[in-house]
Amino acid sequence: MANPILSRPDAFTRTQPQWQPVPGLQPDPRAQTPVGRMTIEDVISKTAVTMLVLVAAAAATFTVVNPFDTSARTALIGSSIVGFITVLLVSMRRVVNPAAVLFYAVVEGVFIGAFSKMFEVQFEGIVQQAVLGTFAAAGATLAAYRYFNIRVTPRFRRMVFIGTAAFAGVMLLNFVLALMGIDTGLRGMGGLGLVAALLGVGLGVSNLVVDFDSIERGIAGGAPASESWRAAFGITVTMVWLYTEILRLLSFFRRD
């Protein structure tokens, strides 16, 4: 799943800072105070809530679904479609609704739970490795961004956006073809599947870098506090994508 939330050039700029009058005073530009601005604490707290909801839904789904009947496949396909539509709808809204963000977290939790169960029955312990690998990759990316002062240029942003959109488009087409019974090999265990998994992880990490830069710019630009939900939503989208690609990649090293 590509991240159209934070990688777009106008992230955090569509909602301009708002102002409210000081109680008891006549409306006067000199006697106004700004509505709360987005802070890094806001982003962290909203992201934590969103991720906790996702993990809870994933754990429940992982426990309930049976990979040997149609329940896992039904949950996987249904949540994929609903999650994709939710991302598109939320990304087009001028103001992000927190309820929509949490709804997405639940839907993607169902997807992650079913997806993980299908891999776990084939490679015992791989889910735990993928979870640790995902958070390790995110932590390392954040550390590199902060301490090595990585600069996100407009050219890099465009390259990541185009690459992500192209990758997502190909994977969406592959998903449709798979439902029709056509195997392209992109999600198989062959060489083409390995290349796709490596490319997916690379794009996921690159999107995290763009996400961190977009959030930092939003904070510096005085984005409203409500925009922290947009940040949390964007990071969650990227983390879900990164987890699925790392899980796929690990499966190549767990084959007999």
C-alpha atoms as a PDB file:
ATOM      1  CA  MET A   1       0.000   0.000   0.000  1.00  0.00           C
ATOM      2  CA  ALA A   2       1.515   3.318  -1.077  1.00  0.00           C
ATOM      3  CA  ASN A   3       1.429   6.342   1.198  1.00  0.00           C
ATOM      4  CA  PRO A   4      -0.374   9.242  -0.506  1.00  0.00           C
ATOM      5  CA  ILE A   5      -0.839  11.040   2.813  1.00  0.00           C
ATOM      6  CA  LEU A   6       2.549  12.559   3.636  1.00  0.00           C
ATOM      7  CA  SER A   7       4.571  12.037   0.460  1.00  0.00           C
ATOM      8  CA  ARG A   8       2.542  14.560  -1.515  1.00  0.00           C
ATOM      9  CA  PRO A   9       4.159  18.014  -1.769  1.00  0.00           C
ATOM     10  CA  ASP A  10       1.222  19.859  -0.134  1.00  0.00           C
ATOM     11  CA  ALA A  11       1.000  17.726   3.012  1.00  0.00           C
ATOM     12  CA  PHE A  12       0.099  19.862   6.057  1.00  0.00           C
ATOM     13  CA  THR A  13      -0.410  22.951   3.898  1.00  0.00           C
ATOM     14  CA  ARG A  14      -4.029  22.442   2.864  1.00  0.00           C
ATOM     15  CA  THR A  15      -5.268  23.372   6.332  1.00  0.00           C
ATOM     16  CA  GLN A  16      -4.043  26.808   7.238  1.00  0.00           C
ATOM     17  CA  PRO A  17      -3.455  27.912  10.841  1.00  0.00           C
ATOM     18  CA  GLN A  18      -6.673  29.162  12.406  1.00  0.00           C
ATOM     19  CA  TRP A  19      -7.254  31.921  14.946  1.00  0.00           C
ATOM     20  CA  GLN A  20      -9.785  32.408  17.698  1.00  0.00           C
ATOM     21  CA  PRO A  21     -10.683  35.583  19.643  1.00  0.00           C
ATOM     22  CA  VAL A  22      -9.663  35.986  23.258  1.00  0.00           C
ATOM     23  CA  PRO A  23     -12.786  35.606  25.498  1.00  0.00           C
ATOM     24  CA  GLY A  24     -14.230  38.910  26.666  1.00  0.00           C
ATOM     25  CA  LEU A  25     -12.556  41.036  24.029  1.00  0.00           C
ATOM     26  CA  GLN A  26     -13.848  42.462  20.788  1.00  0.00           C
ATOM     27  CA  PRO A  27     -12.579  40.801  17.605  1.00  0.00           C
ATOM     28  CA  ASP A  28      -9.249  42.458  16.981  1.00  0.00           C
ATOM     29  CA  PRO A  29      -6.301  40.985  15.100  1.00  0.00           C
ATOM     30  CA  ARG A  30      -4.009  42.346  17.800  1.00  0.00           C
ATOM     31  CA  ALA A  31      -5.996  40.556  20.527  1.00  0.00           C
ATOM     32  CA  GLN A  32      -6.109  37.058  19.080  1.00  0.00           C
ATOM     33  CA  THR A  33      -4.288  33.875  20.066  1.00  0.00           C
ATOM     34  CA  PRO A  34      -3.510  30.967  17.762  1.00  0.00           C
ATOM     35  CA  VAL A  35      -5.317  27.663  18.005  1.00  0.00           C
ATOM     36  CA  GLY A  36      -3.017  24.865  19.186  1.00  0.00           C
ATOM     37  CA  ARG A  37      -0.270  23.922  16.782  1.00  0.00           C
ATOM     38  CA  MET A  38       0.939  20.445  15.952  1.00  0.00           C
ATOM     39  CA  THR A  39       3.874  19.257  18.053  1.00  0.00           C
ATOM     40  CA  ILE A  40       6.052  16.173  17.975  1.00  0.00           C
ATOM     41  CA  GLU A  41       4.345  15.042  21.197  1.00  0.00           C
ATOM     42  CA  ASP A  42       0.972  15.221  19.408  1.00  0.00           C
ATOM     43  CA  VAL A  43       2.277  13.122  16.542  1.00  0.00           C
ATOM     44  CA  ILE A  44       3.818  10.506  18.841  1.00  0.00           C
ATOM     45  CA  SER A  45       0.687  10.166  20.975  1.00  0.00           C
ATOM     46  CA  LYS A  46      -1.690   9.912  18.009  1.00  0.00           C
ATOM     47  CA  THR A  47       0.580   7.435  16.246  1.00  0.00           C
ATOM     48  CA  ALA A  48       0.813   5.331  19.412  1.00  0.00           C
ATOM     49  CA  VAL A  49      -2.981   5.207  19.740  1.00  0.00           C
ATOM     50  CA  THR A  50      -3.412   4.286  16.076  1.00  0.00           C
ATOM     51  CA  MET A  51      -0.758   1.569  16.229  1.00  0.00           C
ATOM     52  CA  LEU A  52      -2.199   0.113  19.452  1.00  0.00           C
ATOM     53  CA  VAL A  53      -5.627  -0.185  17.828  1.00  0.00           C
ATOM     54  CA  LEU A  54      -4.052  -1.831  14.796  1.00  0.00           C
ATOM     55  CA  VAL A  55      -2.054  -4.298  16.908  1.00  0.00           C
ATOM     56  CA  ALA A  56      -5.120  -5.200  18.974  1.00  0.00           C
ATOM     57  CA  ALA A  57      -7.187  -5.883  15.841  1.00  0.00           C
ATOM     58  CA  ALA A  58      -4.305  -7.857  14.323  1.00  0.00           C
ATOM     59  CA  ALA A  59      -3.877  -9.989  17.432  1.00  0.00           C
ATOM     60  CA  ALA A  60      -7.612 -10.758  17.588  1.00  0.00           C
ATOM     61  CA  THR A  61      -7.712 -11.690  13.902  1.00  0.00           C
ATOM     62  CA  PHE A  62      -4.560 -13.784  14.184  1.00  0.00           C
ATOM     63  CA  THR A  63      -6.177 -15.775  16.991  1.00  0.00           C
ATOM     64  CA  VAL A  64      -9.543 -16.286  15.281  1.00  0.00           C
ATOM     65  CA  VAL A  65      -8.811 -16.979  11.607  1.00  0.00           C
ATOM     66  CA  ASN A  66      -8.047 -20.464  10.355  1.00  0.00           C
ATOM     67  CA  PRO A  67      -5.513 -20.490   7.500  1.00  0.00           C
ATOM     68  CA  PHE A  68      -6.761 -23.896   6.377  1.00  0.00           C
ATOM     69  CA  ASP A  69     -10.275 -22.736   5.480  1.00  0.00           C
ATOM     70  CA  THR A  70     -11.715 -19.684   3.752  1.00  0.00           C
ATOM     71  CA  SER A  71     -11.765 -17.421   6.822  1.00  0.00           C
ATOM     72  CA  ALA A  72      -8.195 -16.161   6.414  1.00  0.00           C
ATOM     73  CA  ARG A  73      -8.553 -15.580   2.676  1.00  0.00           C
ATOM     74  CA  THR A  74     -11.885 -13.807   3.118  1.00  0.00           C
ATOM     75  CA  ALA A  75     -10.480 -11.555   5.857  1.00  0.00           C
ATOM     76  CA  LEU A  76      -7.382 -10.841   3.768  1.00  0.00           C
ATOM     77  CA  ILE A  77      -9.205  -9.910   0.569  1.00  0.00           C
ATOM     78  CA  GLY A  78     -12.017  -8.002   2.283  1.00  0.00           C
ATOM     79  CA  SER A  79      -9.704  -5.926   4.495  1.00  0.00           C
ATOM     80  CA  SER A  80      -7.371  -5.223   1.542  1.00  0.00           C
ATOM     81  CA  ILE A  81     -10.180  -3.721  -0.496  1.00  0.00           C
ATOM     82  CA  VAL A  82     -11.728  -1.759   2.379  1.00  0.00           C
ATOM     83  CA  GLY A  83      -8.313  -0.529   3.547  1.00  0.00           C
ATOM     84  CA  PHE A  84      -7.362   0.676   0.067  1.00  0.00           C
ATOM     85  CA  ILE A  85     -10.644   2.562  -0.328  1.00  0.00           C
ATOM     86  CA  THR A  86     -10.260   4.081   3.153  1.00  0.00           C
ATOM     87  CA  VAL A  87      -6.776   5.380   2.347  1.00  0.00           C
ATOM     88  CA  LEU A  88      -8.045   7.037  -0.828  1.00  0.00           C
ATOM     89  CA  LEU A  89     -11.043   8.630   0.912  1.00  0.00           C
ATOM     90  CA  VAL A  90      -9.082   9.918   3.907  1.00  0.00           C
ATOM     91  CA  SER A  91      -6.243  11.258   1.756  1.00  0.00           C
ATOM     92  CA  MET A  92      -8.694  13.351  -0.270  1.00  0.00           C
ATOM     93  CA  ARG A  93     -10.273  15.037   2.747  1.00  0.00           C
ATOM     94  CA  ARG A  94      -9.172  18.519   3.674  1.00  0.00           C
ATOM     95  CA  VAL A  95      -9.401  17.708   7.396  1.00  0.00           C
ATOM     96  CA  VAL A  96      -8.605  14.208   8.591  1.00  0.00           C
ATOM     97  CA  ASN A  97     -11.299  12.645  10.786  1.00  0.00           C
ATOM     98  CA  PRO A  98      -9.802  10.785  13.793  1.00  0.00           C
ATOM     99  CA  ALA A  99     -12.611   8.210  13.596  1.00  0.00           C
ATOM    100  CA  ALA A 100     -11.598   7.425  10.004  1.00  0.00           C
ATOM    101  CA  VAL A 101      -7.983   6.969  11.091  1.00  0.00           C
ATOM    102  CA  LEU A 102      -8.976   4.525  13.826  1.00  0.00           C
ATOM    103  CA  PHE A 103     -11.324   2.725  11.433  1.00  0.00           C
ATOM    104  CA  TYR A 104      -8.389   2.285   9.068  1.00  0.00           C
ATOM    105  CA  ALA A 105      -6.311   0.932  11.961  1.00  0.00           C
ATOM    106  CA  VAL A 106      -8.968  -1.710  12.686  1.00  0.00           C
ATOM    107  CA  VAL A 107      -9.283  -2.708   9.021  1.00  0.00           C
ATOM    108  CA  GLU A 108      -5.536  -2.944   8.527  1.00  0.00           C
ATOM    109  CA  GLY A 109      -5.297  -4.836  11.805  1.00  0.00           C
ATOM    110  CA  VAL A 110      -7.602  -7.467  10.316  1.00  0.00           C
ATOM    111  CA  PHE A 111      -5.433  -7.548   7.189  1.00  0.00           C
ATOM    112  CA  ILE A 112      -2.187  -7.848   9.156  1.00  0.00           C
ATOM    113  CA  GLY A 113      -3.642 -10.556  11.409  1.00  0.00           C
ATOM    114  CA  ALA A 114      -4.821 -12.731   8.511  1.00  0.00           C
ATOM    115  CA  PHE A 115      -1.692 -12.062   6.454  1.00  0.00           C
ATOM    116  CA  SER A 116       0.585 -12.923   9.366  1.00  0.00           C
ATOM    117  CA  LYS A 117      -1.284 -16.131  10.205  1.00  0.00           C
ATOM    118  CA  MET A 118      -0.817 -17.439   6.672  1.00  0.00           C
ATOM    119  CA  PHE A 119       2.945 -16.954   6.958  1.00  0.00           C
ATOM    120  CA  GLU A 120       3.205 -18.206  10.541  1.00  0.00           C
ATOM    121  CA  VAL A 121       1.738 -21.614   9.724  1.00  0.00           C
ATOM    122  CA  GLN A 122       4.434 -22.046   7.059  1.00  0.00           C
ATOM    123  CA  PHE A 123       7.374 -20.530   8.935  1.00  0.00           C
ATOM    124  CA  GLU A 124       6.997 -20.730  12.693  1.00  0.00           C
ATOM    125  CA  GLY A 125       8.303 -17.652  14.474  1.00  0.00           C
ATOM    126  CA  ILE A 126       8.517 -15.491  11.354  1.00  0.00           C
ATOM    127  CA  VAL A 127       5.882 -13.018  12.557  1.00  0.00           C
ATOM    128  CA  GLN A 128       7.869 -12.135  15.662  1.00  0.00           C
ATOM    129  CA  GLN A 129      10.970 -11.651  13.513  1.00  0.00           C
ATOM    130  CA  ALA A 130       9.045  -9.427  11.087  1.00  0.00           C
ATOM    131  CA  VAL A 131       7.619  -7.268  13.888  1.00  0.00           C
ATOM    132  CA  LEU A 132      11.064  -6.765  15.422  1.00  0.00           C
ATOM    133  CA  GLY A 133      12.547  -6.117  11.987  1.00  0.00           C
ATOM    134  CA  THR A 134       9.906  -3.518  11.148  1.00  0.00           C
ATOM    135  CA  PHE A 135      10.387  -1.480  14.317  1.00  0.00           C
ATOM    136  CA  ALA A 136      14.170  -1.866  14.057  1.00  0.00           C
ATOM    137  CA  ALA A 137      14.070  -0.561  10.478  1.00  0.00           C
ATOM    138  CA  ALA A 138      11.828   2.355  11.490  1.00  0.00           C
ATOM    139  CA  GLY A 139      14.042   3.186  14.473  1.00  0.00           C
ATOM    140  CA  ALA A 140      17.223   3.014  12.408  1.00  0.00           C
ATOM    141  CA  THR A 141      15.655   5.188   9.713  1.00  0.00           C
ATOM    142  CA  LEU A 142      14.599   7.808  12.263  1.00  0.00           C
ATOM    143  CA  ALA A 143      18.053   7.755  13.902  1.00  0.00           C
ATOM    144  CA  ALA A 144      19.777   8.135  10.537  1.00  0.00           C
ATOM    145  CA  TYR A 145      17.433  10.977   9.590  1.00  0.00           C
ATOM    146  CA  ARG A 146      18.052  12.834  12.837  1.00  0.00           C
ATOM    147  CA  TYR A 147      21.762  12.238  13.465  1.00  0.00           C
ATOM    148  CA  PHE A 148      23.067  12.190   9.900  1.00  0.00           C
ATOM    149  CA  ASN A 149      20.961  15.216   8.970  1.00  0.00           C
ATOM    150  CA  ILE A 150      19.474  13.606   5.863  1.00  0.00           C
ATOM    151  CA  ARG A 151      18.075  16.248   3.530  1.00  0.00           C
ATOM    152  CA  VAL A 152      14.912  15.473   1.603  1.00  0.00           C
ATOM    153  CA  THR A 153      15.210  17.428  -1.618  1.00  0.00           C
ATOM    154  CA  PRO A 154      12.271  18.059  -3.972  1.00  0.00           C
ATOM    155  CA  ARG A 155      13.885  15.680  -6.456  1.00  0.00           C
ATOM    156  CA  PHE A 156      14.168  12.888  -3.877  1.00  0.00           C
ATOM    157  CA  ARG A 157      10.569  13.461  -2.822  1.00  0.00           C
ATOM    158  CA  ARG A 158       9.370  13.222  -6.421  1.00  0.00           C
ATOM    159  CA  MET A 159      11.394  10.067  -7.051  1.00  0.00           C
ATOM    160  CA  VAL A 160       9.973   8.374  -3.962  1.00  0.00           C
ATOM    161  CA  PHE A 161       6.436   9.453  -4.812  1.00  0.00           C
ATOM    162  CA  ILE A 162       6.677   8.239  -8.421  1.00  0.00           C
ATOM    163  CA  GLY A 163       8.401   5.007  -7.426  1.00  0.00           C
ATOM    164  CA  THR A 164       5.832   4.312  -4.726  1.00  0.00           C
ATOM    165  CA  ALA A 165       2.888   5.051  -7.009  1.00  0.00           C
ATOM    166  CA  ALA A 166       4.325   2.831  -9.748  1.00  0.00           C
ATOM    167  CA  PHE A 167       5.043  -0.013  -7.309  1.00  0.00           C
ATOM    168  CA  ALA A 168       1.587   0.237  -5.771  1.00  0.00           C
ATOM    169  CA  GLY A 169      -0.020   0.251  -9.220  1.00  0.00           C
ATOM    170  CA  VAL A 170       1.848  -2.888 -10.275  1.00  0.00           C
ATOM    171  CA  MET A 171       0.995  -4.651  -7.005  1.00  0.00           C
ATOM    172  CA  LEU A 172      -2.667  -3.661  -7.348  1.00  0.00           C
ATOM    173  CA  LEU A 173      -2.733  -5.104 -10.857  1.00  0.00           C
ATOM    174  CA  ASN A 174      -1.028  -8.245  -9.581  1.00  0.00           C
ATOM    175  CA  PHE A 175      -3.659  -8.522  -6.830  1.00  0.00           C
ATOM    176  CA  VAL A 176      -6.496  -8.307  -9.369  1.00  0.00           C
ATOM    177  CA  LEU A 177      -4.835 -10.887 -11.611  1.00  0.00           C
ATOM    178  CA  ALA A 178      -4.313 -13.204  -8.642  1.00  0.00           C
ATOM    179  CA  LEU A 179      -8.043 -13.063  -7.886  1.00  0.00           C
ATOM    180  CA  MET A 180      -8.577 -14.191 -11.481  1.00  0.00           C
ATOM    181  CA  GLY A 181      -6.204 -17.106 -10.990  1.00  0.00           C
ATOM    182  CA  ILE A 182      -3.302 -15.601 -12.951  1.00  0.00           C
ATOM    183  CA  ASP A 183       0.118 -15.933 -11.288  1.00  0.00           C
ATOM    184  CA  THR A 184       2.614 -13.263 -12.370  1.00  0.00           C
ATOM    185  CA  GLY A 185       5.327 -14.432  -9.980  1.00  0.00           C
ATOM    186  CA  LEU A 186       5.639 -11.030  -8.300  1.00  0.00           C
ATOM    187  CA  ARG A 187       4.417 -12.419  -4.999  1.00  0.00           C
ATOM    188  CA  GLY A 188       5.790 -15.915  -5.443  1.00  0.00           C
ATOM    189  CA  MET A 189       8.910 -17.476  -3.977  1.00  0.00           C
ATOM    190  CA  GLY A 190      10.992 -17.121  -7.147  1.00  0.00           C
ATOM    191  CA  GLY A 191      13.602 -14.572  -8.139  1.00  0.00           C
ATOM    192  CA  LEU A 192      11.017 -12.042  -9.317  1.00  0.00           C
ATOM    193  CA  GLY A 193       9.254 -12.239  -5.967  1.00  0.00           C
ATOM    194  CA  LEU A 194      12.522 -11.626  -4.108  1.00  0.00           C
ATOM    195  CA  VAL A 195      13.278  -8.560  -6.233  1.00  0.00           C
ATOM    196  CA  ALA A 196       9.773  -7.210  -5.560  1.00  0.00           C
ATOM    197  CA  ALA A 197      10.188  -7.750  -1.793  1.00  0.00           C
ATOM    198  CA  LEU A 198      13.585  -5.998  -1.746  1.00  0.00           C
ATOM    199  CA  LEU A 199      12.204  -3.099  -3.773  1.00  0.00           C
ATOM    200  CA  GLY A 200       9.185  -2.887  -1.470  1.00  0.00           C
ATOM    201  CA  VAL A 201      11.354  -2.679   1.655  1.00  0.00           C
ATOM    202  CA  GLY A 202      13.577  -0.050   0.035  1.00  0.00           C
ATOM    203  CA  LEU A 203      10.599   2.093  -0.957  1.00  0.00           C
ATOM    204  CA  GLY A 204       9.058   1.642   2.485  1.00  0.00           C
ATOM    205  CA  VAL A 205      12.195   2.966   4.194  1.00  0.00           C
ATOM    206  CA  SER A 206      12.408   5.836   1.691  1.00  0.00           C
ATOM    207  CA  ASN A 207       8.793   6.736   2.447  1.00  0.00           C
ATOM    208  CA  LEU A 208       9.578   6.838   6.150  1.00  0.00           C
ATOM    209  CA  VAL A 209      12.321   9.376   5.457  1.00  0.00           C
ATOM    210  CA  VAL A 210       9.857  11.504   3.467  1.00  0.00           C
ATOM    211  CA  ASP A 211       7.262  11.099   6.244  1.00  0.00           C
ATOM    212  CA  PHE A 212       9.678  12.314   8.920  1.00  0.00           C
ATOM    213  CA  ASP A 213      10.654  15.306   6.791  1.00  0.00           C
ATOM    214  CA  SER A 214       7.018  16.182   6.030  1.00  0.00           C
ATOM    215  CA  ILE A 215       6.103  16.052   9.712  1.00  0.00           C
ATOM    216  CA  GLU A 216       9.099  18.174  10.649  1.00  0.00           C
ATOM    217  CA  ARG A 217       8.130  20.744   8.012  1.00  0.00           C
ATOM    218  CA  GLY A 218       4.526  20.707   9.229  1.00  0.00           C
ATOM    219  CA  ILE A 219       5.593  21.426  12.798  1.00  0.00           C
ATOM    220  CA  ALA A 220       7.990  24.166  11.704  1.00  0.00           C
ATOM    221  CA  GLY A 221       5.263  25.681   9.526  1.00  0.00           C
ATOM    222  CA  GLY A 222       2.765  25.892  12.388  1.00  0.00           C
ATOM    223  CA  ALA A 223       0.301  23.254  11.198  1.00  0.00           C
ATOM    224  CA  PRO A 224      -2.830  22.996  13.389  1.00  0.00           C
ATOM    225  CA  ALA A 225      -2.855  20.373  16.147  1.00  0.00           C
ATOM    226  CA  SER A 226      -5.556  18.434  14.277  1.00  0.00           C
ATOM    227  CA  GLU A 227      -2.997  17.664  11.585  1.00  0.00           C
ATOM    228  CA  SER A 228      -1.263  15.290  13.996  1.00  0.00           C
ATOM    229  CA  TRP A 229      -3.917  12.744  12.967  1.00  0.00           C
ATOM    230  CA  ARG A 230      -2.776  13.125   9.362  1.00  0.00           C
ATOM    231  CA  ALA A 231       0.783  12.449  10.482  1.00  0.00           C
ATOM    232  CA  ALA A 232      -0.275   9.404  12.503  1.00  0.00           C
ATOM    233  CA  PHE A 233      -2.299   8.097   9.580  1.00  0.00           C
ATOM    234  CA  GLY A 234       0.574   8.518   7.124  1.00  0.00           C
ATOM    235  CA  ILE A 235       3.106   6.815   9.380  1.00  0.00           C
ATOM    236  CA  THR A 236       0.717   3.920  10.029  1.00  0.00           C
ATOM    237  CA  VAL A 237       0.180   3.406   6.291  1.00  0.00           C
ATOM    238  CA  THR A 238       3.941   3.254   5.752  1.00  0.00           C
ATOM    239  CA  MET A 239       4.527   0.955   8.732  1.00  0.00           C
ATOM    240  CA  VAL A 240       1.879  -1.507   7.512  1.00  0.00           C
ATOM    241  CA  TRP A 241       3.447  -1.589   4.087  1.00  0.00           C
ATOM    242  CA  LEU A 242       6.968  -1.967   5.511  1.00  0.00           C
ATOM    243  CA  TYR A 243       5.866  -4.843   7.754  1.00  0.00           C
ATOM    244  CA  THR A 244       4.273  -6.807   4.920  1.00  0.00           C
ATOM    245  CA  GLU A 245       7.356  -6.412   2.726  1.00  0.00           C
ATOM    246  CA  ILE A 246       9.735  -7.419   5.527  1.00  0.00           C
ATOM    247  CA  LEU A 247       7.545 -10.440   6.276  1.00  0.00           C
ATOM    248  CA  ARG A 248       7.712 -11.470   2.620  1.00  0.00           C
ATOM    249  CA  LEU A 249      11.453 -10.889   2.497  1.00  0.00           C
ATOM    250  CA  LEU A 250      12.082 -13.003   5.592  1.00  0.00           C
ATOM    251  CA  SER A 251      10.106 -15.870   4.082  1.00  0.00           C
ATOM    252  CA  PHE A 252      12.774 -16.224   1.374  1.00  0.00           C
ATOM    253  CA  PHE A 253      15.391 -16.923   4.026  1.00  0.00           C
ATOM    254  CA  ARG A 254      13.190 -19.416   5.861  1.00  0.00           C
ATOM    255  CA  ARG A 255      12.681 -21.807   2.964  1.00  0.00           C
ATOM    256  CA  ASP A 256      14.086 -25.301   3.322  1.00  0.00           C
END
